[in-house]
Amino acid sequence: MVADRCGGMHSLIAGFLTLVAPSRCASCEEPAEGTAAFCTSCTVLLERVSGPGAVFEYGGPVADAVQRFKYDGRSNLGAALGLLMAADAWNLVGKTDAVVPVPLHWRRRRARGYDQAALLARPLGKSLGVPVLLRGLRRVRNTPSQVDLPHSERQRNIAGAFAPWRLRGVGRVLLVDDVRTTGATLRAASEALKAGGVSEVHTFVLAARVLSEAT
């Protein structure tokens, strides 16, 4: 049964990739072959994360793609990058009831024009066959960016930034974000989900920074 569901998930992913994958590399804009999100030259530079909860190490082509996705208005990259995550989420089939993206504060979302985590979450929800709760969490404080903060200050900066919303009857959640650095944001969001009645939270990101970069 699990094998059938996994096979069906991968077929679904392949179908979505055919429709939404960019014709050019998400990192360098060179032509990408078939449904690939990255060109051949960039693909060989991708570094996979060995542990659970992330697909790639943050750096090289992945870092370039994330920067373009978040800061250059390239919302069209969200579907293809989300599908890369979905292809790596086979072990979560049957283990989650909903996908919840880590939300931006409404002011930052308005300035950017979209919420990058929500765009990544949609392909995951479709591939896992569970709803995506875009309003499962609210960001109630517009916190300063974590990027330039030292490790010791990140948890304090993000504490109390999230509040649960519309989570009634949801037991197991897959919490999705683009990048994990120290994990402070994911911990704060997970705590808010559990305060809202969620019993189990799995976290999943496109890319994780190595420890030396997180200090």
N, C-alpha and C. Protein backbone atom coordinates (compact mmCIF):
# COMPACT_ATOMS: atom_id res chain seq x y z
N MET A 1 0.82 -1.20 0.00
CA MET A 1 0.00 0.00 0.00
C MET A 1 0.86 1.26 0.00
N VAL A 2 1.90 1.29 0.91
CA VAL A 2 2.78 2.44 0.95
C VAL A 2 3.53 2.60 -0.35
N ALA A 3 3.97 1.46 -0.94
CA ALA A 3 4.69 1.51 -2.21
C ALA A 3 3.81 2.07 -3.31
N ASP A 4 2.52 1.66 -3.31
CA ASP A 4 1.59 2.18 -4.31
C ASP A 4 1.41 3.69 -4.15
N ARG A 5 1.30 4.13 -2.91
CA ARG A 5 1.11 5.56 -2.67
C ARG A 5 2.34 6.35 -3.08
N CYS A 6 3.54 5.79 -2.78
CA CYS A 6 4.77 6.47 -3.17
C CYS A 6 4.89 6.55 -4.68
N GLY A 7 4.53 5.44 -5.35
CA GLY A 7 4.59 5.43 -6.81
C GLY A 7 3.65 6.46 -7.40
N GLY A 8 2.45 6.54 -6.81
CA GLY A 8 1.50 7.52 -7.28
C GLY A 8 1.98 8.94 -7.04
N MET A 9 2.63 9.15 -5.89
CA MET A 9 3.14 10.48 -5.59
C MET A 9 4.20 10.89 -6.60
N HIS A 10 5.11 9.97 -6.94
CA HIS A 10 6.18 10.31 -7.88
C HIS A 10 5.62 10.55 -9.28
N SER A 11 4.58 9.82 -9.65
CA SER A 11 3.95 10.07 -10.95
C SER A 11 3.31 11.45 -10.98
N LEU A 12 2.67 11.81 -9.87
CA LEU A 12 2.05 13.12 -9.77
C LEU A 12 3.09 14.22 -9.86
N ILE A 13 4.22 14.03 -9.16
CA ILE A 13 5.30 15.00 -9.19
C ILE A 13 5.82 15.17 -10.62
N ALA A 14 6.01 14.05 -11.31
CA ALA A 14 6.51 14.13 -12.68
C ALA A 14 5.56 14.92 -13.57
N GLY A 15 4.26 14.71 -13.37
CA GLY A 15 3.28 15.44 -14.16
C GLY A 15 3.32 16.93 -13.89
N PHE A 16 3.43 17.30 -12.60
CA PHE A 16 3.52 18.72 -12.27
C PHE A 16 4.80 19.33 -12.83
N LEU A 17 5.91 18.61 -12.75
CA LEU A 17 7.17 19.13 -13.26
C LEU A 17 7.07 19.44 -14.74
N THR A 18 6.39 18.58 -15.48
CA THR A 18 6.24 18.81 -16.90
C THR A 18 5.54 20.13 -17.18
N LEU A 19 4.62 20.50 -16.28
CA LEU A 19 3.84 21.71 -16.49
C LEU A 19 4.54 22.97 -16.01
N VAL A 20 5.28 22.88 -14.89
CA VAL A 20 5.74 24.11 -14.25
C VAL A 20 7.24 24.30 -14.24
N ALA A 21 8.03 23.29 -14.57
CA ALA A 21 9.47 23.45 -14.46
C ALA A 21 9.96 24.54 -15.40
N PRO A 22 10.88 25.37 -14.94
CA PRO A 22 11.37 26.44 -15.80
C PRO A 22 12.18 25.88 -16.94
N SER A 23 12.16 26.56 -18.09
CA SER A 23 12.97 26.13 -19.22
C SER A 23 14.41 26.52 -19.05
N ARG A 24 14.68 27.39 -18.07
CA ARG A 24 16.05 27.79 -17.76
C ARG A 24 16.36 27.53 -16.30
N CYS A 25 17.64 27.38 -16.04
CA CYS A 25 18.12 27.02 -14.71
C CYS A 25 17.66 28.05 -13.67
N ALA A 26 17.22 27.57 -12.52
CA ALA A 26 16.78 28.45 -11.44
C ALA A 26 17.92 29.24 -10.84
N SER A 27 19.16 28.82 -11.11
CA SER A 27 20.31 29.50 -10.56
C SER A 27 20.97 30.45 -11.55
N CYS A 28 21.27 29.96 -12.75
CA CYS A 28 22.11 30.73 -13.67
C CYS A 28 21.43 31.13 -14.96
N GLU A 29 20.21 30.69 -15.20
CA GLU A 29 19.42 31.03 -16.38
C GLU A 29 19.90 30.33 -17.66
N GLU A 30 20.86 29.43 -17.53
CA GLU A 30 21.22 28.63 -18.69
C GLU A 30 20.10 27.63 -18.97
N PRO A 31 19.97 27.14 -20.20
CA PRO A 31 18.91 26.17 -20.50
C PRO A 31 19.00 24.94 -19.60
N ALA A 32 17.86 24.49 -19.10
CA ALA A 32 17.78 23.27 -18.29
C ALA A 32 17.18 22.16 -19.13
N GLU A 33 17.68 20.95 -18.95
CA GLU A 33 17.23 19.83 -19.76
C GLU A 33 15.91 19.29 -19.23
N GLY A 34 14.98 19.06 -20.14
CA GLY A 34 13.71 18.45 -19.77
C GLY A 34 12.99 19.21 -18.69
N THR A 35 12.69 18.52 -17.59
CA THR A 35 11.94 19.13 -16.48
C THR A 35 12.84 19.54 -15.32
N ALA A 36 14.16 19.54 -15.53
CA ALA A 36 15.08 19.85 -14.43
C ALA A 36 14.95 21.30 -14.00
N ALA A 37 15.04 21.55 -12.69
CA ALA A 37 15.03 22.91 -12.17
C ALA A 37 16.39 23.58 -12.34
N PHE A 38 17.46 22.77 -12.41
CA PHE A 38 18.80 23.29 -12.57
C PHE A 38 19.43 22.72 -13.84
N CYS A 39 20.32 23.49 -14.44
CA CYS A 39 21.03 23.01 -15.62
C CYS A 39 22.03 21.94 -15.21
N THR A 40 22.62 21.27 -16.19
CA THR A 40 23.56 20.20 -15.91
C THR A 40 24.77 20.69 -15.12
N SER A 41 25.29 21.86 -15.49
CA SER A 41 26.48 22.39 -14.81
C SER A 41 26.20 22.70 -13.34
N CYS A 42 25.01 23.25 -13.06
CA CYS A 42 24.67 23.56 -11.67
C CYS A 42 24.28 22.31 -10.88
N THR A 43 23.66 21.34 -11.54
CA THR A 43 23.22 20.13 -10.86
C THR A 43 24.40 19.40 -10.21
N VAL A 44 25.54 19.36 -10.89
CA VAL A 44 26.69 18.63 -10.34
C VAL A 44 27.27 19.34 -9.12
N LEU A 45 26.89 20.60 -8.91
CA LEU A 45 27.39 21.36 -7.76
C LEU A 45 26.46 21.29 -6.55
N LEU A 46 25.27 20.72 -6.72
CA LEU A 46 24.33 20.63 -5.62
C LEU A 46 24.84 19.65 -4.56
N GLU A 47 24.73 20.04 -3.30
CA GLU A 47 25.15 19.17 -2.20
C GLU A 47 23.93 18.76 -1.40
N ARG A 48 23.70 17.48 -1.35
CA ARG A 48 22.55 16.96 -0.62
C ARG A 48 22.83 16.95 0.88
N VAL A 49 21.77 17.13 1.67
CA VAL A 49 21.86 17.00 3.12
C VAL A 49 21.66 15.54 3.48
N SER A 50 22.53 15.01 4.31
CA SER A 50 22.45 13.59 4.66
C SER A 50 21.34 13.30 5.66
N GLY A 51 21.03 14.24 6.56
CA GLY A 51 20.02 14.00 7.57
C GLY A 51 18.63 14.40 7.11
N PRO A 52 17.61 14.13 7.93
CA PRO A 52 16.23 14.47 7.57
C PRO A 52 15.94 15.95 7.73
N GLY A 53 14.87 16.39 7.09
CA GLY A 53 14.38 17.74 7.31
C GLY A 53 14.85 18.78 6.33
N ALA A 54 15.72 18.42 5.38
CA ALA A 54 16.20 19.36 4.38
C ALA A 54 16.64 18.58 3.16
N VAL A 55 16.63 19.24 2.01
CA VAL A 55 17.02 18.58 0.76
C VAL A 55 18.47 18.86 0.42
N PHE A 56 18.86 20.14 0.44
CA PHE A 56 20.20 20.53 0.01
C PHE A 56 20.91 21.32 1.10
N GLU A 57 22.25 21.35 1.02
CA GLU A 57 23.02 22.31 1.80
C GLU A 57 22.89 23.66 1.12
N TYR A 58 22.82 24.70 1.94
CA TYR A 58 22.67 26.05 1.41
C TYR A 58 24.03 26.54 0.90
N GLY A 59 24.08 26.83 -0.38
CA GLY A 59 25.31 27.30 -0.99
C GLY A 59 25.26 27.07 -2.49
N GLY A 60 26.18 27.67 -3.23
CA GLY A 60 26.28 27.45 -4.66
C GLY A 60 24.99 27.75 -5.40
N PRO A 61 24.60 26.88 -6.33
CA PRO A 61 23.39 27.12 -7.13
C PRO A 61 22.12 27.23 -6.30
N VAL A 62 22.03 26.48 -5.21
CA VAL A 62 20.83 26.55 -4.37
C VAL A 62 20.70 27.93 -3.73
N ALA A 63 21.81 28.45 -3.22
CA ALA A 63 21.78 29.79 -2.62
C ALA A 63 21.41 30.83 -3.66
N ASP A 64 21.97 30.70 -4.87
CA ASP A 64 21.62 31.65 -5.94
C ASP A 64 20.13 31.58 -6.26
N ALA A 65 19.59 30.35 -6.35
CA ALA A 65 18.17 30.18 -6.67
C ALA A 65 17.29 30.76 -5.58
N VAL A 66 17.65 30.53 -4.31
CA VAL A 66 16.86 31.06 -3.20
C VAL A 66 16.89 32.58 -3.20
N GLN A 67 18.05 33.16 -3.44
CA GLN A 67 18.15 34.62 -3.47
C GLN A 67 17.26 35.20 -4.57
N ARG A 68 17.28 34.60 -5.74
CA ARG A 68 16.46 35.09 -6.84
C ARG A 68 14.98 34.90 -6.52
N PHE A 69 14.65 33.76 -5.92
CA PHE A 69 13.27 33.44 -5.57
C PHE A 69 12.71 34.43 -4.56
N LYS A 70 13.50 34.77 -3.54
CA LYS A 70 13.01 35.61 -2.46
C LYS A 70 13.13 37.10 -2.73
N TYR A 71 14.22 37.52 -3.34
CA TYR A 71 14.53 38.94 -3.38
C TYR A 71 14.49 39.56 -4.78
N ASP A 72 14.41 38.76 -5.81
CA ASP A 72 14.38 39.30 -7.17
C ASP A 72 13.02 39.17 -7.84
N GLY A 73 12.00 38.89 -7.03
CA GLY A 73 10.65 38.81 -7.58
C GLY A 73 10.37 37.58 -8.42
N ARG A 74 11.20 36.54 -8.28
CA ARG A 74 11.04 35.36 -9.12
C ARG A 74 10.13 34.34 -8.46
N SER A 75 8.89 34.73 -8.24
CA SER A 75 7.92 33.83 -7.61
C SER A 75 7.67 32.59 -8.47
N ASN A 76 7.94 32.69 -9.78
CA ASN A 76 7.72 31.55 -10.67
C ASN A 76 8.62 30.38 -10.35
N LEU A 77 9.69 30.60 -9.58
CA LEU A 77 10.58 29.50 -9.21
C LEU A 77 10.01 28.65 -8.08
N GLY A 78 8.99 29.15 -7.40
CA GLY A 78 8.47 28.45 -6.23
C GLY A 78 7.94 27.06 -6.53
N ALA A 79 7.22 26.91 -7.65
CA ALA A 79 6.64 25.61 -7.96
C ALA A 79 7.72 24.56 -8.22
N ALA A 80 8.72 24.92 -9.03
CA ALA A 80 9.77 23.95 -9.35
C ALA A 80 10.62 23.60 -8.13
N LEU A 81 10.95 24.59 -7.31
CA LEU A 81 11.73 24.31 -6.10
C LEU A 81 10.90 23.51 -5.10
N GLY A 82 9.60 23.83 -5.01
CA GLY A 82 8.73 23.05 -4.14
C GLY A 82 8.61 21.61 -4.58
N LEU A 83 8.62 21.38 -5.87
CA LEU A 83 8.53 20.02 -6.38
C LEU A 83 9.81 19.23 -6.11
N LEU A 84 10.95 19.91 -6.08
CA LEU A 84 12.17 19.23 -5.66
C LEU A 84 12.04 18.75 -4.21
N MET A 85 11.42 19.57 -3.38
CA MET A 85 11.17 19.16 -2.00
C MET A 85 10.18 17.99 -1.96
N ALA A 86 9.13 18.08 -2.77
CA ALA A 86 8.12 17.03 -2.77
C ALA A 86 8.71 15.68 -3.18
N ALA A 87 9.65 15.70 -4.11
CA ALA A 87 10.27 14.46 -4.55
C ALA A 87 11.08 13.82 -3.44
N ASP A 88 11.47 14.61 -2.44
CA ASP A 88 12.28 14.11 -1.33
C ASP A 88 11.45 13.79 -0.10
N ALA A 89 10.13 13.95 -0.21
CA ALA A 89 9.26 13.81 0.96
C ALA A 89 8.52 12.49 1.00
N TRP A 90 8.99 11.50 0.26
CA TRP A 90 8.29 10.21 0.18
C TRP A 90 8.13 9.56 1.56
N ASN A 91 9.10 9.79 2.46
CA ASN A 91 9.04 9.16 3.78
C ASN A 91 7.99 9.79 4.69
N LEU A 92 7.36 10.88 4.23
CA LEU A 92 6.33 11.55 5.03
C LEU A 92 4.92 11.17 4.62
N VAL A 93 4.81 10.30 3.61
CA VAL A 93 3.48 9.86 3.18
C VAL A 93 2.78 9.14 4.34
N GLY A 94 1.58 9.57 4.65
CA GLY A 94 0.81 8.96 5.72
C GLY A 94 1.19 9.40 7.11
N LYS A 95 2.16 10.34 7.22
CA LYS A 95 2.63 10.77 8.53
C LYS A 95 2.25 12.21 8.86
N THR A 96 1.48 12.84 8.00
CA THR A 96 1.10 14.22 8.25
C THR A 96 -0.34 14.44 7.79
N ASP A 97 -1.02 15.33 8.50
CA ASP A 97 -2.41 15.65 8.18
C ASP A 97 -2.56 16.96 7.42
N ALA A 98 -1.54 17.79 7.45
CA ALA A 98 -1.60 19.09 6.77
C ALA A 98 -0.21 19.65 6.63
N VAL A 99 -0.04 20.50 5.64
CA VAL A 99 1.21 21.24 5.44
C VAL A 99 0.96 22.69 5.83
N VAL A 100 1.85 23.25 6.64
CA VAL A 100 1.74 24.64 7.08
C VAL A 100 3.04 25.37 6.74
N PRO A 101 3.00 26.41 5.92
CA PRO A 101 4.21 27.20 5.66
C PRO A 101 4.50 28.16 6.79
N VAL A 102 5.79 28.43 7.02
CA VAL A 102 6.17 29.48 7.97
C VAL A 102 5.82 30.82 7.33
N PRO A 103 4.93 31.61 7.94
CA PRO A 103 4.43 32.81 7.26
C PRO A 103 5.34 34.02 7.42
N LEU A 104 5.30 34.89 6.43
CA LEU A 104 5.86 36.23 6.56
C LEU A 104 4.86 37.12 7.31
N HIS A 105 5.36 38.16 7.92
CA HIS A 105 4.46 39.19 8.44
C HIS A 105 3.78 39.86 7.25
N TRP A 106 2.55 40.32 7.45
CA TRP A 106 1.79 40.86 6.33
C TRP A 106 2.47 42.06 5.68
N ARG A 107 3.21 42.83 6.46
CA ARG A 107 3.91 43.98 5.86
C ARG A 107 5.00 43.51 4.90
N ARG A 108 5.75 42.50 5.32
CA ARG A 108 6.81 41.99 4.45
C ARG A 108 6.24 41.26 3.25
N ARG A 109 5.14 40.55 3.45
CA ARG A 109 4.49 39.86 2.33
C ARG A 109 3.97 40.88 1.30
N ARG A 110 3.40 41.97 1.78
CA ARG A 110 2.91 43.01 0.87
C ARG A 110 4.07 43.61 0.08
N ALA A 111 5.20 43.86 0.75
CA ALA A 111 6.35 44.46 0.07
C ALA A 111 6.93 43.51 -0.98
N ARG A 112 6.99 42.20 -0.64
CA ARG A 112 7.56 41.22 -1.56
C ARG A 112 6.58 40.83 -2.65
N GLY A 113 5.31 40.82 -2.32
CA GLY A 113 4.29 40.45 -3.29
C GLY A 113 3.85 39.01 -3.19
N TYR A 114 4.51 38.21 -2.38
CA TYR A 114 4.16 36.80 -2.20
C TYR A 114 4.90 36.27 -0.98
N ASP A 115 4.46 35.12 -0.51
CA ASP A 115 5.10 34.44 0.62
C ASP A 115 5.82 33.22 0.07
N GLN A 116 7.14 33.22 0.12
CA GLN A 116 7.91 32.16 -0.54
C GLN A 116 7.64 30.78 0.06
N ALA A 117 7.45 30.69 1.37
CA ALA A 117 7.20 29.39 1.98
C ALA A 117 5.86 28.81 1.53
N ALA A 118 4.87 29.68 1.32
CA ALA A 118 3.57 29.21 0.85
C ALA A 118 3.68 28.63 -0.55
N LEU A 119 4.51 29.22 -1.41
CA LEU A 119 4.69 28.70 -2.77
C LEU A 119 5.39 27.35 -2.75
N LEU A 120 6.32 27.16 -1.82
CA LEU A 120 6.98 25.86 -1.69
C LEU A 120 6.04 24.80 -1.13
N ALA A 121 5.12 25.24 -0.27
CA ALA A 121 4.25 24.29 0.42
C ALA A 121 3.19 23.67 -0.49
N ARG A 122 2.74 24.40 -1.49
CA ARG A 122 1.64 23.91 -2.32
C ARG A 122 1.97 22.60 -3.04
N PRO A 123 3.12 22.47 -3.71
CA PRO A 123 3.42 21.18 -4.34
C PRO A 123 3.56 20.05 -3.32
N LEU A 124 4.05 20.36 -2.13
CA LEU A 124 4.16 19.33 -1.09
C LEU A 124 2.79 18.82 -0.67
N GLY A 125 1.87 19.74 -0.45
CA GLY A 125 0.53 19.31 -0.08
C GLY A 125 -0.11 18.44 -1.14
N LYS A 126 0.04 18.83 -2.41
CA LYS A 126 -0.54 18.04 -3.50
C LYS A 126 0.09 16.66 -3.58
N SER A 127 1.40 16.58 -3.45
CA SER A 127 2.07 15.28 -3.57
C SER A 127 1.77 14.37 -2.39
N LEU A 128 1.58 14.94 -1.21
CA LEU A 128 1.28 14.14 -0.02
C LEU A 128 -0.21 13.89 0.14
N GLY A 129 -1.03 14.57 -0.65
CA GLY A 129 -2.47 14.37 -0.58
C GLY A 129 -3.11 14.93 0.68
N VAL A 130 -2.55 16.05 1.19
CA VAL A 130 -3.09 16.68 2.40
C VAL A 130 -3.28 18.17 2.12
N PRO A 131 -4.14 18.84 2.89
CA PRO A 131 -4.36 20.27 2.65
C PRO A 131 -3.17 21.11 3.06
N VAL A 132 -3.02 22.25 2.40
CA VAL A 132 -2.03 23.26 2.78
C VAL A 132 -2.79 24.36 3.53
N LEU A 133 -2.45 24.55 4.79
CA LEU A 133 -3.13 25.54 5.62
C LEU A 133 -2.33 26.83 5.59
N LEU A 134 -2.66 27.69 4.63
CA LEU A 134 -1.93 28.94 4.48
C LEU A 134 -2.14 29.87 5.67
N ARG A 135 -3.21 29.63 6.42
CA ARG A 135 -3.48 30.45 7.60
C ARG A 135 -3.38 29.64 8.89
N GLY A 136 -2.64 28.55 8.85
CA GLY A 136 -2.47 27.76 10.06
C GLY A 136 -1.67 28.49 11.12
N LEU A 137 -0.79 29.36 10.67
CA LEU A 137 -0.01 30.21 11.57
C LEU A 137 -0.14 31.66 11.14
N ARG A 138 -0.09 32.55 12.11
CA ARG A 138 0.00 33.98 11.82
C ARG A 138 1.30 34.49 12.39
N ARG A 139 1.93 35.40 11.66
CA ARG A 139 3.12 36.07 12.19
C ARG A 139 2.63 37.37 12.84
N VAL A 140 2.66 37.39 14.15
CA VAL A 140 2.05 38.50 14.88
C VAL A 140 3.04 39.61 15.20
N ARG A 141 4.31 39.36 14.98
CA ARG A 141 5.34 40.41 15.15
C ARG A 141 6.17 40.48 13.89
N ASN A 142 6.40 41.69 13.41
CA ASN A 142 7.25 41.89 12.23
C ASN A 142 8.69 41.98 12.70
N THR A 143 9.31 40.83 12.92
CA THR A 143 10.64 40.76 13.51
C THR A 143 11.70 41.20 12.50
N PRO A 144 12.81 41.74 12.99
CA PRO A 144 13.93 42.04 12.10
C PRO A 144 14.42 40.76 11.42
N SER A 145 15.02 40.89 10.27
CA SER A 145 15.54 39.74 9.55
C SER A 145 16.55 38.99 10.41
N GLN A 146 16.51 37.66 10.35
CA GLN A 146 17.43 36.82 11.10
C GLN A 146 18.81 36.75 10.43
N VAL A 147 18.90 37.16 9.17
CA VAL A 147 20.10 36.90 8.37
C VAL A 147 21.36 37.45 9.02
N ASP A 148 21.30 38.67 9.54
CA ASP A 148 22.50 39.32 10.06
C ASP A 148 22.66 39.17 11.58
N LEU A 149 21.78 38.42 12.21
CA LEU A 149 21.87 38.26 13.66
C LEU A 149 22.78 37.11 14.03
N PRO A 150 23.58 37.26 15.11
CA PRO A 150 24.38 36.13 15.58
C PRO A 150 23.49 35.03 16.15
N HIS A 151 24.05 33.84 16.21
CA HIS A 151 23.31 32.66 16.67
C HIS A 151 22.62 32.93 18.00
N SER A 152 23.32 33.56 18.94
CA SER A 152 22.79 33.74 20.30
C SER A 152 21.56 34.63 20.35
N GLU A 153 21.36 35.47 19.35
CA GLU A 153 20.24 36.41 19.38
C GLU A 153 19.04 35.97 18.55
N ARG A 154 19.20 34.93 17.75
CA ARG A 154 18.13 34.56 16.83
C ARG A 154 16.89 34.06 17.55
N GLN A 155 17.06 33.21 18.57
CA GLN A 155 15.91 32.69 19.29
C GLN A 155 15.17 33.80 20.01
N ARG A 156 15.90 34.73 20.61
CA ARG A 156 15.26 35.85 21.31
C ARG A 156 14.52 36.74 20.32
N ASN A 157 15.08 36.96 19.16
CA ASN A 157 14.46 37.81 18.15
C ASN A 157 13.12 37.25 17.68
N ILE A 158 13.05 35.92 17.54
CA ILE A 158 11.86 35.30 16.93
C ILE A 158 10.85 34.82 17.97
N ALA A 159 11.22 34.84 19.25
CA ALA A 159 10.31 34.34 20.30
C ALA A 159 8.99 35.10 20.29
N GLY A 160 7.89 34.37 20.31
CA GLY A 160 6.57 34.98 20.35
C GLY A 160 6.11 35.61 19.06
N ALA A 161 6.82 35.30 17.97
CA ALA A 161 6.49 35.93 16.69
C ALA A 161 5.29 35.28 16.00
N PHE A 162 4.92 34.05 16.41
CA PHE A 162 3.87 33.31 15.73
C PHE A 162 2.71 33.00 16.67
N ALA A 163 1.54 32.88 16.06
CA ALA A 163 0.35 32.48 16.81
C ALA A 163 -0.43 31.48 15.96
N PRO A 164 -1.00 30.43 16.59
CA PRO A 164 -1.78 29.44 15.82
C PRO A 164 -3.12 30.02 15.41
N TRP A 165 -3.65 29.46 14.32
CA TRP A 165 -4.94 29.94 13.81
C TRP A 165 -5.56 28.84 12.97
N ARG A 166 -6.82 28.54 13.22
CA ARG A 166 -7.59 27.60 12.41
C ARG A 166 -6.91 26.23 12.29
N LEU A 167 -6.57 25.68 13.43
CA LEU A 167 -5.90 24.38 13.46
C LEU A 167 -6.77 23.29 14.08
N ARG A 168 -8.04 23.53 14.29
CA ARG A 168 -8.89 22.57 14.96
C ARG A 168 -8.91 21.24 14.21
N GLY A 169 -8.66 20.17 14.93
CA GLY A 169 -8.71 18.83 14.35
C GLY A 169 -7.46 18.41 13.60
N VAL A 170 -6.42 19.25 13.59
CA VAL A 170 -5.18 18.91 12.90
C VAL A 170 -4.18 18.35 13.90
N GLY A 171 -3.82 17.08 13.74
CA GLY A 171 -2.94 16.44 14.71
C GLY A 171 -1.47 16.48 14.33
N ARG A 172 -1.17 16.22 13.04
CA ARG A 172 0.23 16.13 12.59
C ARG A 172 0.46 17.12 11.46
N VAL A 173 1.49 17.93 11.61
CA VAL A 173 1.75 19.01 10.66
C VAL A 173 3.15 18.89 10.08
N LEU A 174 3.25 19.17 8.78
CA LEU A 174 4.54 19.34 8.13
C LEU A 174 4.77 20.85 8.00
N LEU A 175 5.73 21.37 8.74
CA LEU A 175 6.05 22.80 8.76
C LEU A 175 7.13 23.07 7.73
N VAL A 176 6.87 23.99 6.80
CA VAL A 176 7.73 24.18 5.63
C VAL A 176 8.31 25.59 5.60
N ASP A 177 9.61 25.68 5.28
CA ASP A 177 10.25 26.96 5.06
C ASP A 177 11.30 26.79 3.96
N ASP A 178 11.89 27.90 3.55
CA ASP A 178 12.87 27.82 2.47
C ASP A 178 14.26 27.43 2.98
N VAL A 179 14.74 28.09 4.04
CA VAL A 179 16.10 27.86 4.53
C VAL A 179 16.09 27.71 6.05
N ARG A 180 16.87 26.76 6.53
CA ARG A 180 17.09 26.60 7.98
C ARG A 180 18.53 27.01 8.29
N THR A 181 18.67 27.93 9.24
CA THR A 181 20.02 28.33 9.65
C THR A 181 20.31 27.73 11.02
N THR A 182 19.86 28.37 12.09
CA THR A 182 20.02 27.80 13.43
C THR A 182 18.82 26.95 13.83
N GLY A 183 17.71 27.10 13.12
CA GLY A 183 16.48 26.41 13.49
C GLY A 183 15.61 27.20 14.43
N ALA A 184 16.00 28.44 14.75
CA ALA A 184 15.24 29.24 15.71
C ALA A 184 13.83 29.54 15.21
N THR A 185 13.71 29.89 13.95
CA THR A 185 12.38 30.20 13.40
C THR A 185 11.48 28.97 13.41
N LEU A 186 12.03 27.84 13.01
CA LEU A 186 11.24 26.61 12.99
C LEU A 186 10.82 26.19 14.39
N ARG A 187 11.71 26.39 15.38
CA ARG A 187 11.34 26.05 16.76
C ARG A 187 10.21 26.94 17.26
N ALA A 188 10.31 28.23 16.99
CA ALA A 188 9.26 29.14 17.45
C ALA A 188 7.92 28.84 16.78
N ALA A 189 7.96 28.53 15.49
CA ALA A 189 6.74 28.20 14.77
C ALA A 189 6.16 26.87 15.26
N SER A 190 7.03 25.91 15.53
CA SER A 190 6.57 24.61 16.04
C SER A 190 5.90 24.76 17.40
N GLU A 191 6.47 25.60 18.25
CA GLU A 191 5.87 25.83 19.57
C GLU A 191 4.49 26.45 19.44
N ALA A 192 4.32 27.35 18.48
CA ALA A 192 3.02 27.98 18.28
C ALA A 192 2.00 26.95 17.78
N LEU A 193 2.43 26.08 16.87
CA LEU A 193 1.53 25.04 16.38
C LEU A 193 1.07 24.12 17.52
N LYS A 194 2.00 23.73 18.38
CA LYS A 194 1.64 22.84 19.49
C LYS A 194 0.75 23.56 20.50
N ALA A 195 0.96 24.86 20.65
CA ALA A 195 0.07 25.64 21.52
C ALA A 195 -1.34 25.68 20.95
N GLY A 196 -1.45 25.50 19.64
CA GLY A 196 -2.75 25.49 18.99
C GLY A 196 -3.39 24.12 18.92
N GLY A 197 -2.76 23.12 19.54
CA GLY A 197 -3.35 21.79 19.62
C GLY A 197 -2.72 20.73 18.73
N VAL A 198 -1.73 21.10 17.93
CA VAL A 198 -1.06 20.11 17.08
C VAL A 198 -0.22 19.19 17.96
N SER A 199 -0.30 17.90 17.71
CA SER A 199 0.42 16.93 18.55
C SER A 199 1.80 16.59 18.03
N GLU A 200 2.02 16.73 16.73
CA GLU A 200 3.28 16.29 16.13
C GLU A 200 3.64 17.25 15.00
N VAL A 201 4.89 17.75 15.01
CA VAL A 201 5.35 18.67 13.97
C VAL A 201 6.62 18.12 13.33
N HIS A 202 6.58 17.94 12.02
CA HIS A 202 7.78 17.63 11.24
C HIS A 202 8.18 18.92 10.53
N THR A 203 9.48 19.21 10.47
CA THR A 203 9.94 20.40 9.76
C THR A 203 10.67 19.98 8.50
N PHE A 204 10.54 20.80 7.45
CA PHE A 204 11.12 20.46 6.16
C PHE A 204 11.46 21.75 5.42
N VAL A 205 12.71 21.84 4.97
CA VAL A 205 13.16 23.03 4.26
C VAL A 205 13.86 22.63 2.97
N LEU A 206 13.92 23.59 2.05
CA LEU A 206 14.64 23.34 0.81
C LEU A 206 16.13 23.21 1.07
N ALA A 207 16.68 24.09 1.90
CA ALA A 207 18.13 24.10 2.11
C ALA A 207 18.46 24.40 3.57
N ALA A 208 19.56 23.81 4.04
CA ALA A 208 20.03 24.03 5.41
C ALA A 208 21.46 24.53 5.36
N ARG A 209 21.74 25.57 6.13
CA ARG A 209 23.10 26.05 6.22
C ARG A 209 23.92 25.13 7.12
N VAL A 210 25.18 24.95 6.79
CA VAL A 210 26.06 24.17 7.64
C VAL A 210 26.36 24.98 8.90
N LEU A 211 26.76 24.29 9.97
CA LEU A 211 26.89 24.94 11.28
C LEU A 211 27.85 26.11 11.26
N SER A 212 28.93 26.00 10.51
CA SER A 212 29.92 27.08 10.49
C SER A 212 29.35 28.36 9.93
N GLU A 213 28.32 28.24 9.08
CA GLU A 213 27.68 29.42 8.49
C GLU A 213 26.59 29.97 9.39
N ALA A 214 26.20 29.18 10.40
CA ALA A 214 25.06 29.56 11.23
C ALA A 214 25.45 30.31 12.47
N THR A 215 26.73 30.54 12.70
CA THR A 215 27.17 31.19 13.92
C THR A 215 27.29 32.69 13.72
